[in-house]
N, C-alpha and C. Protein backbone atom coordinates (compact mmCIF):
# COMPACT_ATOMS: atom_id res chain seq x y z
N ALA A 1 40.70 -23.08 35.33
CA ALA A 1 39.90 -23.80 36.13
C ALA A 1 39.83 -22.97 37.56
N SER A 2 40.82 -23.04 38.08
CA SER A 2 41.10 -22.23 39.39
C SER A 2 40.63 -21.01 39.61
N CYS A 3 40.84 -20.19 38.24
CA CYS A 3 40.37 -18.93 38.39
C CYS A 3 38.74 -18.69 38.28
N GLU A 4 38.16 -19.55 37.32
CA GLU A 4 36.77 -19.97 37.28
C GLU A 4 36.37 -20.11 38.66
N LEU A 5 36.85 -20.75 39.42
CA LEU A 5 36.18 -21.44 40.66
C LEU A 5 36.01 -20.25 41.65
N LYS A 6 37.26 -19.77 41.48
CA LYS A 6 37.26 -18.35 42.40
C LYS A 6 36.26 -17.49 42.23
N THR A 7 36.01 -17.40 40.89
CA THR A 7 35.19 -16.29 40.58
C THR A 7 33.68 -16.55 40.75
N THR A 8 33.43 -17.91 40.52
CA THR A 8 32.05 -18.31 40.93
C THR A 8 31.95 -18.34 42.50
N GLU A 9 32.75 -18.70 43.19
CA GLU A 9 32.61 -18.47 44.73
C GLU A 9 32.53 -17.13 44.97
N ALA A 10 33.25 -16.21 44.55
CA ALA A 10 32.84 -14.82 45.03
C ALA A 10 31.44 -14.23 44.43
N ALA A 11 31.14 -14.82 43.36
CA ALA A 11 29.60 -14.32 42.87
C ALA A 11 28.73 -15.03 43.70
N ASP A 12 28.91 -16.16 44.37
CA ASP A 12 27.76 -16.79 45.11
C ASP A 12 27.96 -16.11 46.43
N ALA A 13 29.35 -15.51 46.97
CA ALA A 13 29.20 -15.10 48.25
C ALA A 13 28.38 -13.68 47.81
N ALA A 14 28.87 -13.04 46.91
CA ALA A 14 27.99 -11.62 46.95
C ALA A 14 26.62 -11.71 46.55
N THR A 15 25.93 -12.95 45.88
CA THR A 15 24.66 -13.15 46.13
C THR A 15 24.06 -13.47 47.62
N LYS A 16 24.70 -14.20 48.06
CA LYS A 16 24.20 -14.59 49.59
C LYS A 16 24.13 -13.08 50.48
N SER A 17 25.21 -12.30 50.34
CA SER A 17 25.26 -10.92 50.93
C SER A 17 23.99 -10.23 50.61
N LEU A 18 24.05 -10.11 49.17
CA LEU A 18 23.03 -9.24 48.31
C LEU A 18 21.38 -9.72 49.07
N LEU A 19 21.28 -10.98 49.05
CA LEU A 19 19.97 -11.45 49.06
C LEU A 19 19.54 -11.20 50.72
N ALA A 20 20.65 -11.20 51.48
CA ALA A 20 20.37 -10.90 52.90
C ALA A 20 20.06 -9.35 52.93
N ILE A 21 20.65 -8.43 52.33
CA ILE A 21 20.12 -7.35 52.49
C ILE A 21 19.06 -6.91 51.73
N ALA A 22 18.53 -7.88 50.47
CA ALA A 22 17.32 -7.47 50.11
C ALA A 22 16.05 -8.04 50.90
N HIS A 23 16.33 -8.61 51.83
CA HIS A 23 15.40 -9.65 52.71
C HIS A 23 15.47 -8.63 54.18
N GLY A 24 16.15 -7.40 54.32
CA GLY A 24 16.35 -6.76 55.45
C GLY A 24 15.44 -5.67 55.41
N ALA A 25 15.39 -4.77 56.51
CA ALA A 25 14.32 -3.82 56.81
C ALA A 25 14.87 -2.61 56.16
N ASP A 26 15.73 -2.49 55.51
CA ASP A 26 15.97 -1.26 54.83
C ASP A 26 15.52 -1.18 53.33
N THR A 27 14.46 -0.62 53.25
CA THR A 27 13.89 -0.73 51.91
C THR A 27 14.58 -0.24 50.58
N ASP A 28 15.30 0.82 50.88
CA ASP A 28 16.12 1.48 49.78
C ASP A 28 17.24 0.78 49.51
N ALA A 29 17.89 0.02 50.67
CA ALA A 29 18.98 -0.69 50.50
C ALA A 29 18.40 -2.28 49.82
N ALA A 30 17.45 -2.59 50.00
CA ALA A 30 16.80 -3.59 49.63
C ALA A 30 16.57 -3.83 48.20
N VAL A 31 15.96 -2.62 47.68
CA VAL A 31 15.75 -2.47 46.31
C VAL A 31 17.12 -2.36 45.58
N ALA A 32 18.13 -1.88 46.13
CA ALA A 32 19.70 -1.54 45.47
C ALA A 32 19.90 -2.96 45.38
N ALA A 33 19.93 -3.71 46.35
CA ALA A 33 20.82 -5.00 46.41
C ALA A 33 19.84 -5.94 45.39
N THR A 34 18.62 -5.66 45.28
CA THR A 34 17.82 -6.48 44.28
C THR A 34 18.16 -6.25 42.78
N SER A 35 18.41 -5.06 42.38
CA SER A 35 18.86 -4.68 41.37
C SER A 35 20.47 -5.24 40.91
N ALA A 36 21.31 -5.08 42.08
CA ALA A 36 22.50 -5.66 41.92
C ALA A 36 22.47 -7.09 41.73
N LEU A 37 21.56 -7.99 42.32
CA LEU A 37 21.58 -9.36 42.15
C LEU A 37 21.40 -9.39 40.58
N GLY A 38 20.50 -8.89 40.00
CA GLY A 38 20.35 -9.06 38.54
C GLY A 38 21.47 -8.69 37.70
N ASN A 39 22.43 -8.35 38.27
CA ASN A 39 23.76 -8.12 37.21
C ASN A 39 24.79 -9.15 37.57
N ILE A 40 24.48 -10.34 38.49
CA ILE A 40 25.44 -11.33 38.59
C ILE A 40 24.79 -12.59 37.69
N PRO A 41 25.63 -12.92 36.78
CA PRO A 41 25.16 -13.97 35.88
C PRO A 41 25.69 -15.31 36.14
N THR A 42 24.96 -15.68 37.44
CA THR A 42 25.03 -17.04 37.86
C THR A 42 23.63 -17.79 38.27
N ALA A 43 23.60 -18.95 38.21
CA ALA A 43 22.31 -19.54 38.60
C ALA A 43 21.88 -19.38 39.69
N ALA A 44 22.51 -19.02 41.00
CA ALA A 44 22.26 -18.76 42.33
C ALA A 44 21.65 -17.47 42.36
N ALA A 45 22.07 -16.54 41.33
CA ALA A 45 21.74 -14.96 41.34
C ALA A 45 20.31 -14.96 40.78
N ARG A 46 20.39 -15.94 39.87
CA ARG A 46 18.97 -15.98 38.88
C ARG A 46 17.50 -16.41 39.89
N THR A 47 18.07 -17.71 40.67
CA THR A 47 17.26 -18.12 41.52
C THR A 47 16.81 -17.14 42.66
N ALA A 48 17.81 -16.20 43.22
CA ALA A 48 17.29 -15.44 44.02
C ALA A 48 16.49 -14.44 43.62
N ILE A 49 16.67 -13.74 42.62
CA ILE A 49 15.91 -12.84 41.89
C ILE A 49 14.52 -13.33 41.71
N ARG A 50 14.33 -14.57 41.25
CA ARG A 50 12.96 -15.20 41.09
C ARG A 50 12.26 -15.22 42.33
N GLY A 51 13.03 -15.40 43.51
CA GLY A 51 12.14 -15.62 44.79
C GLY A 51 11.64 -14.08 45.23
N LEU A 52 12.48 -13.33 44.56
CA LEU A 52 12.04 -11.76 45.07
C LEU A 52 10.62 -11.24 44.39
N ILE A 53 10.59 -11.77 43.10
CA ILE A 53 9.22 -11.22 42.56
C ILE A 53 7.96 -11.26 43.22
N THR A 54 7.92 -12.31 44.26
CA THR A 54 6.99 -12.39 45.15
C THR A 54 6.94 -11.73 46.44
N SER A 55 7.87 -10.51 46.60
CA SER A 55 8.07 -9.85 47.90
C SER A 55 6.95 -9.01 47.99
N PRO A 56 6.58 -8.90 49.36
CA PRO A 56 5.40 -8.05 49.76
C PRO A 56 5.58 -6.61 49.29
N ASP A 57 6.62 -6.05 49.21
CA ASP A 57 7.34 -4.72 49.13
C ASP A 57 7.22 -4.57 47.54
N PRO A 58 6.25 -3.92 47.07
CA PRO A 58 6.32 -3.67 45.52
C PRO A 58 7.46 -2.99 45.04
N ARG A 59 8.06 -2.48 45.58
CA ARG A 59 9.56 -1.73 45.07
C ARG A 59 10.61 -2.77 44.86
N ILE A 60 10.60 -3.84 45.66
CA ILE A 60 11.46 -4.76 45.77
C ILE A 60 10.96 -5.95 44.61
N ALA A 61 9.82 -6.19 44.69
CA ALA A 61 9.21 -7.23 43.52
C ALA A 61 9.52 -6.76 42.16
N SER A 62 9.28 -5.26 42.00
CA SER A 62 9.52 -4.55 40.63
C SER A 62 10.88 -4.67 40.25
N ALA A 63 11.81 -4.28 41.30
CA ALA A 63 13.16 -4.60 40.90
C ALA A 63 13.63 -5.76 40.27
N ALA A 64 13.23 -6.92 41.43
CA ALA A 64 13.04 -8.11 40.65
C ALA A 64 12.87 -8.63 39.30
N LEU A 65 11.69 -8.11 39.10
CA LEU A 65 11.11 -8.47 37.63
C LEU A 65 11.80 -7.76 36.72
N TRP A 66 12.30 -6.16 36.82
CA TRP A 66 13.06 -5.75 35.72
C TRP A 66 14.14 -6.08 35.51
N SER A 67 14.75 -7.11 36.48
CA SER A 67 16.20 -7.70 36.39
C SER A 67 15.95 -9.17 35.57
N ILE A 68 14.57 -9.56 35.18
CA ILE A 68 14.60 -10.91 34.73
C ILE A 68 15.16 -10.54 33.14
N ASP A 69 15.79 -11.71 32.94
CA ASP A 69 16.32 -11.77 31.42
C ASP A 69 16.01 -12.96 30.64
N THR A 70 15.76 -13.97 31.54
CA THR A 70 15.02 -15.55 30.94
C THR A 70 14.25 -15.80 31.32
N VAL A 71 13.01 -16.40 30.83
CA VAL A 71 11.91 -16.92 31.20
C VAL A 71 11.43 -18.43 30.98
N ASP A 72 11.55 -19.30 31.80
CA ASP A 72 11.07 -20.53 31.53
C ASP A 72 9.59 -20.90 31.73
N ASP A 73 8.96 -22.09 31.49
CA ASP A 73 7.75 -22.26 31.34
C ASP A 73 6.96 -22.05 33.28
N GLU A 74 7.65 -22.36 34.08
CA GLU A 74 7.18 -22.14 35.47
C GLU A 74 7.18 -20.49 35.78
N LEU A 75 8.09 -19.83 35.35
CA LEU A 75 8.25 -18.42 35.46
C LEU A 75 6.93 -17.47 34.39
N LEU A 76 7.10 -18.28 33.30
CA LEU A 76 6.13 -17.59 32.58
C LEU A 76 4.71 -17.64 33.23
N GLY A 77 4.22 -18.59 33.96
CA GLY A 77 3.12 -18.80 34.60
C GLY A 77 2.71 -17.85 35.67
N LYS A 78 4.00 -17.61 36.40
CA LYS A 78 3.96 -16.50 37.77
C LYS A 78 3.93 -15.13 37.15
N LEU A 79 4.61 -14.80 35.83
CA LEU A 79 4.58 -13.57 35.22
C LEU A 79 2.94 -13.19 34.86
N GLU A 80 2.42 -14.37 33.98
CA GLU A 80 1.13 -14.16 33.72
C GLU A 80 -0.03 -13.77 35.06
N ALA A 81 0.47 -14.63 36.13
CA ALA A 81 -0.60 -14.31 37.45
C ALA A 81 -0.69 -13.30 37.69
N ILE A 82 0.87 -12.47 37.84
CA ILE A 82 0.98 -11.16 38.27
C ILE A 82 0.14 -10.03 37.37
N VAL A 83 0.26 -10.29 36.17
CA VAL A 83 -0.11 -9.23 34.98
C VAL A 83 -1.70 -9.22 35.28
N GLN A 84 -2.40 -10.49 35.67
CA GLN A 84 -3.50 -10.77 35.65
C GLN A 84 -4.21 -10.54 37.04
N SER A 85 -3.36 -10.29 37.85
CA SER A 85 -3.77 -10.08 39.31
C SER A 85 -4.42 -8.66 39.37
N GLY A 86 -3.87 -7.62 38.37
CA GLY A 86 -4.36 -6.33 38.70
C GLY A 86 -3.61 -5.31 39.42
N ASN A 87 -2.40 -5.83 39.87
CA ASN A 87 -1.53 -5.02 40.88
C ASN A 87 -0.77 -4.40 39.95
N MET A 88 -1.29 -2.88 39.83
CA MET A 88 -0.67 -2.03 38.92
C MET A 88 0.68 -1.73 39.28
N GLN A 89 1.06 -1.63 40.76
CA GLN A 89 2.60 -1.49 41.15
C GLN A 89 3.58 -2.32 40.69
N ILE A 90 3.14 -3.51 40.08
CA ILE A 90 4.35 -4.26 39.44
C ILE A 90 3.95 -5.08 38.08
N SER A 91 2.82 -4.59 37.73
CA SER A 91 2.45 -5.42 36.60
C SER A 91 3.25 -5.01 35.52
N ASN A 92 3.72 -3.45 35.15
CA ASN A 92 4.54 -3.21 34.17
C ASN A 92 5.83 -3.81 34.01
N ALA A 93 6.56 -4.21 35.26
CA ALA A 93 7.63 -4.70 35.41
C ALA A 93 7.47 -6.26 34.90
N ALA A 94 6.23 -6.79 35.25
CA ALA A 94 6.03 -7.97 35.03
C ALA A 94 6.09 -8.31 33.03
N LEU A 95 4.96 -7.15 32.72
CA LEU A 95 5.15 -7.20 31.26
C LEU A 95 6.32 -7.38 30.39
N ALA A 96 7.44 -6.41 31.21
CA ALA A 96 8.74 -6.10 30.60
C ALA A 96 9.36 -7.62 30.40
N ALA A 97 9.24 -8.07 31.68
CA ALA A 97 9.65 -9.54 31.65
C ALA A 97 9.29 -10.62 30.81
N LEU A 98 7.98 -10.38 30.54
CA LEU A 98 7.37 -11.19 29.41
C LEU A 98 7.93 -11.06 28.17
N GLY A 99 8.48 -10.13 27.92
CA GLY A 99 9.28 -9.73 26.68
C GLY A 99 10.21 -10.60 26.49
N HIS A 100 10.77 -11.38 27.58
CA HIS A 100 11.95 -12.24 27.18
C HIS A 100 11.42 -13.83 27.21
N ALA A 101 10.30 -13.83 27.16
CA ALA A 101 9.78 -15.24 27.30
C ALA A 101 9.44 -15.94 25.81
N GLY A 102 9.68 -15.00 24.80
CA GLY A 102 9.29 -15.63 23.39
C GLY A 102 7.75 -15.93 23.08
N ASP A 103 7.77 -16.43 22.00
CA ASP A 103 6.35 -16.80 21.49
C ASP A 103 5.12 -17.01 22.57
N ALA A 104 5.92 -17.81 23.42
CA ALA A 104 4.70 -18.26 24.69
C ALA A 104 3.78 -17.31 25.34
N ALA A 105 4.53 -16.09 25.18
CA ALA A 105 3.95 -14.78 25.87
C ALA A 105 2.99 -13.88 25.13
N LEU A 106 2.75 -14.64 23.71
CA LEU A 106 2.23 -13.56 22.92
C LEU A 106 0.74 -13.28 23.00
N PRO A 107 0.33 -14.52 23.60
CA PRO A 107 -1.39 -14.58 23.99
C PRO A 107 -1.62 -13.73 24.98
N VAL A 108 -0.99 -13.63 25.92
CA VAL A 108 -1.55 -12.87 27.24
C VAL A 108 -0.74 -11.29 26.91
N LEU A 109 -0.13 -11.22 25.98
CA LEU A 109 0.40 -9.82 25.80
C LEU A 109 -0.51 -9.18 24.94
N HIS A 110 -1.12 -9.96 23.99
CA HIS A 110 -2.12 -9.54 23.15
C HIS A 110 -3.26 -9.02 23.79
N GLU A 111 -3.76 -9.84 24.76
CA GLU A 111 -4.91 -9.61 25.71
C GLU A 111 -4.67 -8.41 26.71
N VAL A 112 -3.83 -8.43 26.90
CA VAL A 112 -3.47 -6.96 27.59
C VAL A 112 -3.53 -5.60 26.83
N SER A 113 -2.92 -5.95 25.58
CA SER A 113 -2.87 -4.83 24.78
C SER A 113 -3.89 -4.15 24.51
N LEU A 114 -5.08 -5.13 24.40
CA LEU A 114 -6.38 -4.57 23.94
C LEU A 114 -7.34 -4.48 24.85
N HIS A 115 -7.23 -5.06 26.05
CA HIS A 115 -8.27 -5.31 27.00
C HIS A 115 -7.98 -5.23 28.61
N GLY A 116 -6.30 -4.81 28.67
CA GLY A 116 -6.17 -4.54 29.98
C GLY A 116 -6.03 -3.14 30.28
N ALA A 117 -5.61 -2.87 31.85
CA ALA A 117 -5.87 -1.72 31.98
C ALA A 117 -4.84 -0.60 31.31
N MET A 118 -5.68 0.66 30.95
CA MET A 118 -5.14 1.69 29.94
C MET A 118 -3.43 1.84 30.25
N GLN A 119 -3.25 2.02 31.65
CA GLN A 119 -1.84 2.25 32.03
C GLN A 119 -0.84 0.89 31.38
N LEU A 120 -1.29 -0.20 31.18
CA LEU A 120 -0.33 -1.36 30.82
C LEU A 120 -0.16 -1.54 29.51
N ARG A 121 -1.15 -1.22 28.51
CA ARG A 121 -1.23 -1.54 27.46
C ARG A 121 -0.03 -1.12 26.13
N GLY A 122 0.49 -0.14 26.70
CA GLY A 122 1.78 0.43 25.80
C GLY A 122 2.96 -0.39 26.41
N GLN A 123 2.91 -0.89 27.35
CA GLN A 123 4.14 -1.70 27.81
C GLN A 123 3.73 -3.49 27.19
N ALA A 124 2.43 -3.63 27.29
CA ALA A 124 2.44 -4.93 26.45
C ALA A 124 2.78 -4.90 25.03
N VAL A 125 2.38 -3.95 24.22
CA VAL A 125 2.76 -3.71 23.18
C VAL A 125 4.41 -3.69 22.97
N ASN A 126 5.00 -2.96 23.52
CA ASN A 126 6.29 -2.94 23.58
C ASN A 126 7.04 -4.15 23.95
N ALA A 127 6.52 -4.77 24.88
CA ALA A 127 6.88 -6.45 25.20
C ALA A 127 7.04 -7.41 23.82
N ILE A 128 5.87 -7.23 23.13
CA ILE A 128 5.82 -7.90 22.00
C ILE A 128 6.97 -7.49 21.08
N GLY A 129 7.05 -6.30 21.03
CA GLY A 129 8.18 -5.74 19.97
C GLY A 129 9.59 -6.31 20.56
N MET A 130 9.74 -6.53 22.16
CA MET A 130 10.77 -7.25 22.55
C MET A 130 11.09 -8.66 22.24
N ILE A 131 10.12 -9.26 21.87
CA ILE A 131 10.13 -10.82 21.47
C ILE A 131 10.59 -10.77 20.00
N GLY A 132 9.75 -9.84 19.07
CA GLY A 132 10.29 -9.90 17.66
C GLY A 132 9.87 -11.21 17.11
N GLY A 133 10.28 -11.07 15.85
CA GLY A 133 10.12 -12.42 14.91
C GLY A 133 8.82 -12.37 14.20
N PRO A 134 8.53 -13.52 13.56
CA PRO A 134 7.43 -13.52 12.38
C PRO A 134 5.82 -13.59 13.33
N GLU A 135 5.76 -14.28 14.45
CA GLU A 135 4.81 -14.46 15.16
C GLU A 135 4.26 -13.09 15.85
N ALA A 136 5.54 -12.27 16.51
CA ALA A 136 5.08 -10.98 17.14
C ALA A 136 4.73 -10.20 16.22
N ILE A 137 5.31 -10.10 15.01
CA ILE A 137 4.80 -9.13 13.95
C ILE A 137 3.44 -9.12 13.60
N LYS A 138 3.01 -10.51 13.40
CA LYS A 138 1.46 -10.94 12.85
C LYS A 138 0.81 -10.20 14.20
N THR A 139 1.15 -10.47 15.50
CA THR A 139 0.45 -10.40 16.64
C THR A 139 0.57 -8.53 16.56
N LEU A 140 1.53 -8.08 16.21
CA LEU A 140 1.19 -6.60 16.27
C LEU A 140 0.22 -6.00 14.99
N GLY A 141 0.46 -6.71 14.01
CA GLY A 141 -0.39 -6.44 13.02
C GLY A 141 -2.07 -6.60 13.27
N GLU A 142 -2.22 -7.59 14.09
CA GLU A 142 -3.85 -7.76 14.55
C GLU A 142 -4.00 -6.48 15.55
N ILE A 143 -3.07 -6.18 16.22
CA ILE A 143 -3.34 -4.58 17.38
C ILE A 143 -3.70 -3.80 16.55
N LEU A 144 -2.85 -3.61 15.43
CA LEU A 144 -3.20 -2.24 14.43
C LEU A 144 -4.32 -2.31 13.84
N ASP A 145 -4.68 -3.46 13.62
CA ASP A 145 -6.03 -3.41 12.78
C ASP A 145 -7.46 -3.08 13.85
N GLU A 146 -7.11 -3.23 15.17
CA GLU A 146 -8.29 -2.87 16.11
C GLU A 146 -8.37 -1.53 16.26
N ASP A 147 -9.68 -1.03 16.67
CA ASP A 147 -9.99 0.19 17.08
C ASP A 147 -9.39 1.24 18.44
N ASP A 148 -8.75 0.38 19.04
CA ASP A 148 -8.17 0.65 20.24
C ASP A 148 -6.73 1.96 19.87
N ARG A 149 -7.54 3.22 19.86
CA ARG A 149 -6.25 4.01 19.41
C ARG A 149 -4.76 4.19 19.84
N LEU A 150 -4.95 3.82 21.46
CA LEU A 150 -3.84 3.81 22.15
C LEU A 150 -2.63 2.58 21.44
N SER A 151 -3.47 1.68 21.63
CA SER A 151 -2.57 0.30 21.42
C SER A 151 -2.37 0.23 19.85
N ALA A 152 -2.98 0.79 19.03
CA ALA A 152 -2.84 0.65 17.51
C ALA A 152 -1.54 1.64 17.23
N ARG A 153 -1.62 2.76 17.49
CA ARG A 153 -0.65 3.63 17.82
C ARG A 153 0.85 3.12 18.47
N ALA A 154 0.87 2.40 19.22
CA ALA A 154 1.98 1.69 20.06
C ALA A 154 2.45 0.80 19.22
N ALA A 155 1.64 -0.10 18.32
CA ALA A 155 1.88 -1.01 17.33
C ALA A 155 2.40 -0.61 16.17
N ALA A 156 1.92 0.50 15.74
CA ALA A 156 2.41 1.20 14.63
C ALA A 156 3.90 1.43 14.97
N ALA A 157 4.32 2.07 15.82
CA ALA A 157 5.63 2.56 16.26
C ALA A 157 6.69 1.54 16.62
N VAL A 158 6.09 0.34 17.28
CA VAL A 158 6.68 -0.95 17.45
C VAL A 158 7.17 -1.51 16.00
N LEU A 159 6.30 -1.59 15.11
CA LEU A 159 6.45 -2.22 13.83
C LEU A 159 7.32 -1.33 12.91
N ALA A 160 7.42 -0.14 13.09
CA ALA A 160 8.64 0.75 12.34
C ALA A 160 9.61 0.70 13.05
N ASN A 161 9.77 0.61 14.25
CA ASN A 161 11.10 0.32 14.92
C ASN A 161 11.78 -1.05 14.46
N LEU A 162 10.76 -2.38 14.45
CA LEU A 162 11.30 -3.36 14.07
C LEU A 162 11.70 -3.56 12.36
N GLY A 163 11.00 -2.81 11.89
CA GLY A 163 11.19 -2.69 10.35
C GLY A 163 11.21 -4.25 9.76
N GLY A 164 11.83 -4.40 8.52
CA GLY A 164 11.56 -5.47 7.70
C GLY A 164 10.42 -5.52 6.87
N PRO A 165 10.48 -6.41 5.71
CA PRO A 165 9.45 -6.47 4.98
C PRO A 165 8.09 -6.69 5.61
N ASP A 166 7.95 -7.64 6.42
CA ASP A 166 6.61 -7.79 6.76
C ASP A 166 5.89 -6.67 7.60
N ALA A 167 6.92 -6.13 8.42
CA ALA A 167 6.43 -5.06 9.34
C ALA A 167 6.19 -3.87 8.37
N ARG A 168 6.89 -3.45 7.23
CA ARG A 168 6.77 -2.38 6.48
C ARG A 168 5.30 -2.80 5.95
N GLU A 169 5.07 -3.96 5.14
CA GLU A 169 3.86 -4.01 4.59
C GLU A 169 2.60 -3.82 5.47
N LEU A 170 2.80 -4.28 6.67
CA LEU A 170 1.32 -3.97 7.77
C LEU A 170 1.14 -2.52 7.87
N LEU A 171 2.50 -1.65 8.03
CA LEU A 171 2.23 -0.34 8.06
C LEU A 171 1.63 0.37 7.01
N ILE A 172 2.03 -0.46 5.77
CA ILE A 172 1.85 0.35 4.36
C ILE A 172 0.16 0.03 4.28
N GLU A 173 -0.21 -1.27 4.56
CA GLU A 173 -1.40 -1.54 4.42
C GLU A 173 -2.44 -0.72 5.52
N SER A 174 -2.05 -0.43 6.33
CA SER A 174 -3.05 0.48 7.78
C SER A 174 -2.64 1.79 7.26
N ALA A 175 -1.71 2.31 6.47
CA ALA A 175 -1.97 3.67 6.06
C ALA A 175 -2.74 4.07 4.92
N LEU A 176 -3.06 2.98 4.16
CA LEU A 176 -4.09 3.02 2.99
C LEU A 176 -5.42 2.82 3.62
N SER A 177 -5.60 2.64 4.92
CA SER A 177 -7.12 2.12 5.19
C SER A 177 -7.70 3.70 5.32
N ASP A 178 -8.89 3.28 5.88
CA ASP A 178 -9.77 4.75 6.24
C ASP A 178 -9.63 5.33 7.54
N ARG A 179 -8.79 4.66 8.13
CA ARG A 179 -8.45 4.89 9.62
C ARG A 179 -7.01 5.15 9.82
N ALA A 180 -6.22 5.52 8.96
CA ALA A 180 -4.80 5.82 8.88
C ALA A 180 -4.43 6.49 9.93
N GLN A 181 -5.09 7.85 10.35
CA GLN A 181 -4.97 8.75 11.17
C GLN A 181 -4.77 8.13 12.72
N LEU A 182 -6.08 7.53 12.82
CA LEU A 182 -6.56 6.83 14.09
C LEU A 182 -5.36 5.77 14.41
N ARG A 183 -4.85 5.25 13.65
CA ARG A 183 -3.94 3.64 14.04
C ARG A 183 -2.39 4.52 14.00
N GLY A 184 -2.05 5.54 13.38
CA GLY A 184 -0.74 5.89 13.33
C GLY A 184 0.23 5.62 12.53
N ALA A 185 -0.34 4.64 11.69
CA ALA A 185 0.67 4.04 10.69
C ALA A 185 1.08 5.17 9.63
N LEU A 186 0.23 6.19 9.11
CA LEU A 186 0.68 6.97 8.40
C LEU A 186 1.77 7.93 8.72
N GLY A 187 1.64 8.22 10.12
CA GLY A 187 2.69 9.30 10.79
C GLY A 187 4.04 8.53 10.77
N GLN A 188 3.91 6.96 10.93
CA GLN A 188 5.24 6.24 11.33
C GLN A 188 5.83 6.08 9.74
N LEU A 189 5.20 6.06 8.60
CA LEU A 189 5.61 5.96 7.32
C LEU A 189 6.39 7.12 6.91
N GLN A 190 5.74 8.22 7.39
CA GLN A 190 6.51 9.53 7.10
C GLN A 190 7.69 9.82 7.72
N GLN A 191 8.44 8.77 8.59
CA GLN A 191 9.72 9.06 9.15
C GLN A 191 10.47 7.68 8.43
N MET A 192 9.73 6.96 7.63
CA MET A 192 10.68 6.08 6.77
C MET A 192 10.89 6.37 5.60
N ALA A 193 12.02 5.63 4.79
CA ALA A 193 12.24 5.77 3.62
C ALA A 193 12.17 4.40 2.49
N GLY A 194 12.06 4.70 1.34
CA GLY A 194 11.94 3.50 0.62
C GLY A 194 10.63 3.83 -0.32
N GLU A 195 11.13 2.91 -1.75
CA GLU A 195 10.27 3.23 -2.91
C GLU A 195 8.94 2.92 -2.49
N ASP A 196 8.67 1.65 -1.84
CA ASP A 196 7.29 0.97 -1.33
C ASP A 196 6.76 2.19 -0.42
N VAL A 197 7.48 3.00 0.53
CA VAL A 197 6.75 3.89 1.39
C VAL A 197 6.43 5.05 0.38
N ASP A 198 7.06 5.61 -0.46
CA ASP A 198 6.86 6.51 -1.51
C ASP A 198 5.79 6.39 -1.93
N GLN A 199 5.59 5.39 -2.74
CA GLN A 199 4.55 4.65 -3.56
C GLN A 199 3.35 4.52 -2.71
N ALA A 200 3.30 4.22 -1.22
CA ALA A 200 1.81 4.22 -0.59
C ALA A 200 1.81 5.59 0.02
N LEU A 201 2.39 6.41 0.09
CA LEU A 201 2.07 7.77 0.31
C LEU A 201 1.40 8.49 -0.92
N LEU A 202 2.04 8.34 -1.84
CA LEU A 202 1.53 8.96 -3.40
C LEU A 202 -0.10 8.52 -3.35
N SER A 203 -0.12 7.20 -2.96
CA SER A 203 -1.69 6.49 -2.93
C SER A 203 -2.51 7.42 -2.04
N VAL A 204 -1.70 7.68 -1.01
CA VAL A 204 -2.72 8.59 0.04
C VAL A 204 -3.15 9.82 -0.53
N VAL A 205 -2.05 10.69 -0.87
CA VAL A 205 -2.25 11.82 -1.66
C VAL A 205 -3.36 11.70 -2.87
N ARG A 206 -3.41 10.68 -3.52
CA ARG A 206 -4.48 10.78 -4.77
C ARG A 206 -5.76 10.19 -4.02
N GLN A 207 -5.99 9.24 -3.35
CA GLN A 207 -6.84 8.89 -2.67
C GLN A 207 -7.45 8.94 -1.23
N GLY A 208 -6.53 9.26 -0.51
CA GLY A 208 -6.68 9.28 0.83
C GLY A 208 -7.99 10.39 1.30
N SER A 209 -8.30 10.73 2.51
CA SER A 209 -9.34 11.67 2.97
C SER A 209 -8.32 13.12 2.76
N SER A 210 -9.08 14.19 2.96
CA SER A 210 -8.17 15.16 3.23
C SER A 210 -7.02 15.64 4.28
N ALA A 211 -7.57 14.99 5.30
CA ALA A 211 -6.74 15.28 6.43
C ALA A 211 -5.49 13.97 6.23
N ASP A 212 -5.72 13.14 5.46
CA ASP A 212 -4.66 12.11 5.29
C ASP A 212 -3.71 12.72 4.00
N ARG A 213 -4.30 13.38 3.09
CA ARG A 213 -3.45 14.01 2.14
C ARG A 213 -2.53 15.07 2.87
N ARG A 214 -3.02 15.95 3.53
CA ARG A 214 -2.40 16.88 3.96
C ARG A 214 -1.11 16.17 4.99
N ALA A 215 -1.23 15.06 5.81
CA ALA A 215 -0.37 14.59 6.48
C ALA A 215 0.89 14.05 5.42
N ALA A 216 0.23 13.48 4.32
CA ALA A 216 1.54 12.75 3.56
C ALA A 216 2.24 13.66 2.66
N LEU A 217 1.62 14.75 2.31
CA LEU A 217 2.07 15.51 0.96
C LEU A 217 3.55 16.18 1.64
N PRO A 218 3.54 16.59 2.87
CA PRO A 218 5.07 17.06 3.18
C PRO A 218 5.88 16.24 3.12
N ARG A 219 5.84 14.96 3.33
CA ARG A 219 7.13 13.91 3.20
C ARG A 219 7.49 13.97 1.80
N LEU A 220 6.70 14.16 0.79
CA LEU A 220 6.76 13.71 -0.66
C LEU A 220 7.43 15.30 -1.03
N LEU A 221 7.24 16.28 -0.69
CA LEU A 221 7.74 17.46 -1.22
C LEU A 221 9.55 17.76 -1.34
C-alpha cells in the first residue's frame, strides 16, 4: 500500500509539472508534455488531457486528442462538436478518439464517412473499425453499399482487416455486385483465403464483367 501511494504521488507530481509545461509559451515543449500526459494512467492525467483538447493551439489540442483512450458521454459530445466544427487541424484526431467511444459514436462516424470533408472520411471509417463488433460491421456494410468510392474502398479494407463471418459475407456480397471494382471488395477478397472466398471468385469469373473477371482470375490460378 505504501509503494502504491508513493507511485500515485509521483504520478500526480509528474502530471502537475507536465500540465504546467503544456500551458507554457514553448509550443514544442507543450506538445511533448501533452503527449507525455497521455502515458500516465491516472485520473488526474486523464482530466488534464481532457482539459487540453480545447487548447487554442491546434498542435496541443491534437496531441491531447490522440492521447484519449476512454470516452464517456460528456467527452463524446465534445468530440462530436469538434468534428462538426469543420476545424480540419484537429478533426482527424477527434475522429480517432471517437474510435474509443463504442457504438454510441457510430452515427456521427457514419455521417462523416459519407458526407464529411474528403480528408476526414477515411479516418471516420478507420474509427468505426476501431470500435468493432456487430454494429460497427453493419455500419461498414452500409458504407460499402454506397457510391462514395473513397469511403467504400476504405470500408472494404477495414472489413477485411476485421475478418469474421459477417465481415466476409459483406465483402463477398459486394464483390458479386456490379460495382465490385468501385467498392474495392474484389481486391480485398483476392488477399483472403477460404472456400467461401474461392467460390465467390469463381462466380465472378463465370458471371462478372470482363474487368472483374480479369481481376479475379489470377487469384485462382
